């Protein structure tokens, strides 16, 4: 019987200690009291609504930028070729698809030991933009396509901006030869230079 009481006392002590540990990791309010479940849900709901508003604003800005023809897709991930070699963790400032009115540019920079064609471990291809088409589907996704023709590039560029956000994908498909490049990242307005 003595063992029974000592085991019961030990179990109670472990339960109290476990409760104290749970209390340590529970979210606290400024008064040090754990918030109610409904308060936490309300806070998460407010944060989610704010994120949706920001994403919606980003989508509207992306749509307006495509309509004006002054935009840049800042890529944080690029897939190369049909076998889908993926380069991630890229610097968006040097990996992008860009349009400024009738001029377009595609640039990659993988920051590797080989300087590549552009001195940054990748390629930079510029050309003239033509055959521009823009449409929106029932879900709100934007589809923008154009041809990009220059000295070193002759490609079809297909851009998709996903509904409710400024996150986009641009597929650069060479017309004659070369690997397909798929850029993934945010599409943002490009500020027009002053004349």
Protein backbone atom coordinates (compact mmCIF):
# COMPACT_ATOMS: atom_id res chain seq x y z
CA UNK A 1 0.00 0.00 0.00
CA UNK A 2 2.92 2.29 0.77
CA UNK A 3 4.23 1.75 -2.80
CA UNK A 4 0.81 2.63 -4.21
CA UNK A 5 0.77 6.01 -2.41
CA UNK A 6 4.35 6.81 -3.40
CA UNK A 7 3.59 5.98 -7.06
CA UNK A 8 0.41 8.07 -6.96
CA UNK A 9 2.35 10.97 -5.40
CA UNK A 10 5.05 10.66 -8.09
CA UNK A 11 2.42 10.68 -10.89
CA UNK A 12 0.75 13.76 -9.41
CA UNK A 13 4.10 15.54 -9.15
CA UNK A 14 4.90 14.73 -12.81
CA UNK A 15 1.46 15.99 -13.91
CA UNK A 16 1.96 19.27 -12.03
CA UNK A 17 5.44 19.65 -13.50
CA UNK A 18 4.10 18.94 -17.00
CA UNK A 19 1.40 21.60 -16.50
CA UNK A 20 4.07 24.11 -15.45
CA UNK A 21 6.06 23.34 -18.61
CA UNK A 22 2.92 23.77 -20.74
CA UNK A 23 2.29 27.12 -19.03
CA UNK A 24 5.81 28.29 -19.83
CA UNK A 25 5.35 27.69 -23.57
CA UNK A 26 1.76 28.95 -23.79
CA UNK A 27 1.32 32.37 -25.44
CA UNK A 28 1.03 35.18 -22.90
CA UNK A 29 -0.71 38.51 -23.03
CA UNK A 30 0.94 41.65 -21.70
CA UNK A 31 -0.49 40.91 -18.25
CA UNK A 32 1.24 37.51 -18.19
CA UNK A 33 -2.05 35.62 -18.43
CA UNK A 34 -2.50 33.10 -21.21
CA UNK A 35 -4.94 34.44 -23.83
CA UNK A 36 -8.14 32.59 -24.50
CA UNK A 37 -8.42 30.39 -27.55
CA UNK A 38 -10.90 32.80 -29.15
CA UNK A 39 -8.46 35.72 -28.76
CA UNK A 40 -5.74 33.73 -30.51
CA UNK A 41 -8.17 32.79 -33.31
CA UNK A 42 -9.22 36.43 -33.70
CA UNK A 43 -5.58 37.52 -33.94
CA UNK A 44 -4.85 34.87 -36.58
CA UNK A 45 -7.98 35.90 -38.49
CA UNK A 46 -6.87 39.57 -38.49
CA UNK A 47 -3.39 38.60 -39.69
CA UNK A 48 -4.87 36.47 -42.47
CA UNK A 49 -7.21 39.28 -43.58
CA UNK A 50 -4.28 41.72 -43.65
CA UNK A 51 -2.21 39.30 -45.74
CA UNK A 52 -5.10 38.87 -48.19
CA UNK A 53 -5.42 42.65 -48.56
CA UNK A 54 -1.69 43.04 -49.18
CA UNK A 55 -1.72 40.17 -51.70
CA UNK A 56 -4.78 41.64 -53.44
CA UNK A 57 -3.07 45.03 -53.71
CA UNK A 58 0.05 43.32 -55.12
CA UNK A 59 -2.10 41.55 -57.72
CA UNK A 60 -3.76 44.81 -58.76
CA UNK A 61 -0.36 46.50 -59.13
CA UNK A 62 0.94 43.56 -61.18
CA UNK A 63 -2.12 43.72 -63.48
CA UNK A 64 -1.66 47.46 -63.98
CA UNK A 65 2.08 47.00 -64.68
CA UNK A 66 1.34 44.38 -67.36
CA UNK A 67 -1.25 46.65 -69.00
CA UNK A 68 1.27 49.51 -69.15
CA UNK A 69 4.14 47.30 -70.30
CA UNK A 70 6.52 48.38 -67.53
CA UNK A 71 7.21 45.46 -65.20
CA UNK A 72 9.85 43.10 -63.86
CA UNK A 73 9.52 39.54 -62.56
CA UNK A 74 12.11 39.15 -59.78
CA UNK A 75 12.96 35.44 -59.77
CA UNK A 76 13.93 33.52 -56.65
CA UNK A 77 13.77 30.19 -58.50
CA UNK A 78 14.58 29.18 -62.09
CA UNK A 79 13.91 25.83 -63.78
CA UNK A 80 16.13 25.06 -66.78
CA UNK A 81 15.14 22.74 -69.62
CA UNK A 82 12.65 19.92 -69.92
CA UNK A 83 14.44 17.88 -67.22
CA UNK A 84 13.71 20.75 -64.82
CA UNK A 85 17.09 21.45 -63.27
CA UNK A 86 16.09 23.92 -60.54
CA UNK A 87 18.23 26.73 -59.19
CA UNK A 88 16.84 28.11 -55.91
CA UNK A 89 17.87 30.77 -53.41
CA UNK A 90 18.77 33.14 -56.23
CA UNK A 91 19.26 36.87 -55.92
CA UNK A 92 16.12 38.42 -57.50
CA UNK A 93 18.07 41.58 -58.37
CA UNK A 94 20.17 39.66 -60.91
CA UNK A 95 17.67 36.98 -62.03
CA UNK A 96 14.67 38.47 -63.78
CA UNK A 97 12.42 38.90 -66.79
CA UNK A 98 11.87 42.54 -67.63
CA UNK A 99 9.78 44.64 -70.00
CA UNK A 100 10.05 48.36 -70.57
CA UNK A 101 7.54 49.34 -73.25
CA UNK A 102 8.79 47.71 -76.48
CA UNK A 103 12.08 46.45 -75.03
CA UNK A 104 12.51 43.22 -73.09
CA UNK A 105 15.30 41.50 -71.20
CA UNK A 106 15.90 38.06 -69.73
CA UNK A 107 18.77 37.60 -67.27
CA UNK A 108 20.12 34.74 -65.17
CA UNK A 109 23.03 34.86 -62.75
CA UNK A 110 23.75 31.67 -60.86
CA UNK A 111 26.75 33.13 -58.97
CA UNK A 112 29.02 30.23 -59.79
CA UNK A 113 32.77 30.01 -60.43
CA UNK A 114 32.28 30.15 -64.22
CA UNK A 115 31.50 33.79 -65.11
CA UNK A 116 29.27 32.74 -68.02
CA UNK A 117 28.29 35.00 -70.88
CA UNK A 118 27.32 37.97 -68.72
CA UNK A 119 30.14 37.84 -66.14
CA UNK A 120 27.71 36.74 -63.39
CA UNK A 121 27.50 33.03 -64.17
CA UNK A 122 24.53 33.24 -66.51
CA UNK A 123 23.09 34.97 -69.55
CA UNK A 124 21.62 38.36 -70.41
CA UNK A 125 19.46 38.50 -73.53
CA UNK A 126 17.75 41.63 -74.82
CA UNK A 127 15.24 42.05 -77.59
CA UNK A 128 12.21 43.79 -79.03
CA UNK A 129 8.75 42.96 -77.62
CA UNK A 130 5.94 42.14 -80.06
CA UNK A 131 2.60 40.32 -80.37
CA UNK A 132 1.53 41.21 -76.82
CA UNK A 133 -1.62 39.53 -75.48
CA UNK A 134 -3.21 39.89 -72.03
CA UNK A 135 -6.21 38.02 -70.68
CA UNK A 136 -7.76 37.07 -67.34
CA UNK A 137 -9.46 33.76 -66.59
CA UNK A 138 -12.57 33.19 -64.44
CA UNK A 139 -10.45 32.54 -61.33
CA UNK A 140 -8.60 35.86 -61.68
CA UNK A 141 -5.28 34.51 -62.99
CA UNK A 142 -3.58 36.87 -65.47
CA UNK A 143 -2.01 35.49 -68.66
CA UNK A 144 0.40 37.72 -70.56
CA UNK A 145 2.36 36.58 -73.60
CA UNK A 146 4.66 38.18 -76.13
CA UNK A 147 7.50 37.42 -78.51
CA UNK A 148 11.01 38.62 -77.70
CA UNK A 149 13.29 39.01 -80.72
CA UNK A 150 16.85 40.30 -80.64
CA UNK A 151 20.39 39.56 -81.78
CA UNK A 152 20.82 36.65 -79.36
CA UNK A 153 17.22 35.72 -78.60
CA UNK A 154 14.10 34.66 -80.48
CA UNK A 155 11.65 33.37 -77.91
CA UNK A 156 8.04 33.21 -76.82
CA UNK A 157 7.49 34.50 -73.27
CA UNK A 158 4.38 33.39 -71.37
CA UNK A 159 3.72 35.02 -67.99
CA UNK A 160 1.12 33.89 -65.46
CA UNK A 161 0.28 36.03 -62.42
CA UNK A 162 -1.69 33.94 -59.95
CA UNK A 163 -5.04 35.21 -58.66
CA UNK A 164 -4.96 37.21 -55.47
CA UNK A 165 -1.18 37.73 -55.37
CA UNK A 166 1.76 39.19 -57.26
CA UNK A 167 3.53 35.81 -57.42
CA UNK A 168 4.13 34.88 -61.05
CA UNK A 169 5.76 32.46 -63.44
CA UNK A 170 7.39 33.36 -66.74
CA UNK A 171 8.23 30.64 -69.27
CA UNK A 172 10.83 31.69 -71.84
CA UNK A 173 10.66 29.20 -74.73
CA UNK A 174 13.25 29.68 -77.49
CA UNK A 175 11.69 29.40 -80.97
CA UNK A 176 14.54 27.50 -82.64
CA UNK A 177 17.02 26.07 -80.18
CA UNK A 178 17.96 26.24 -76.53
CA UNK A 179 16.56 25.19 -73.17
CA UNK A 180 13.27 26.47 -71.84
CA UNK A 181 13.69 28.73 -68.78
CA UNK A 182 10.96 29.04 -66.16
CA UNK A 183 11.27 32.00 -63.79
CA UNK A 184 9.27 32.06 -60.54
CA UNK A 185 8.96 35.10 -58.30
CA UNK A 186 7.14 38.36 -57.69
CA UNK A 187 5.99 40.53 -60.59
CA UNK A 188 6.22 44.20 -59.69
CA UNK A 189 5.85 47.49 -61.57
CA UNK A 190 8.95 48.94 -63.15
CA UNK A 191 9.17 52.69 -62.64
CA UNK A 192 9.35 54.52 -65.95
CA UNK A 193 12.56 56.46 -66.37
CA UNK A 194 12.18 60.22 -66.69
CA UNK A 195 12.66 61.64 -70.18
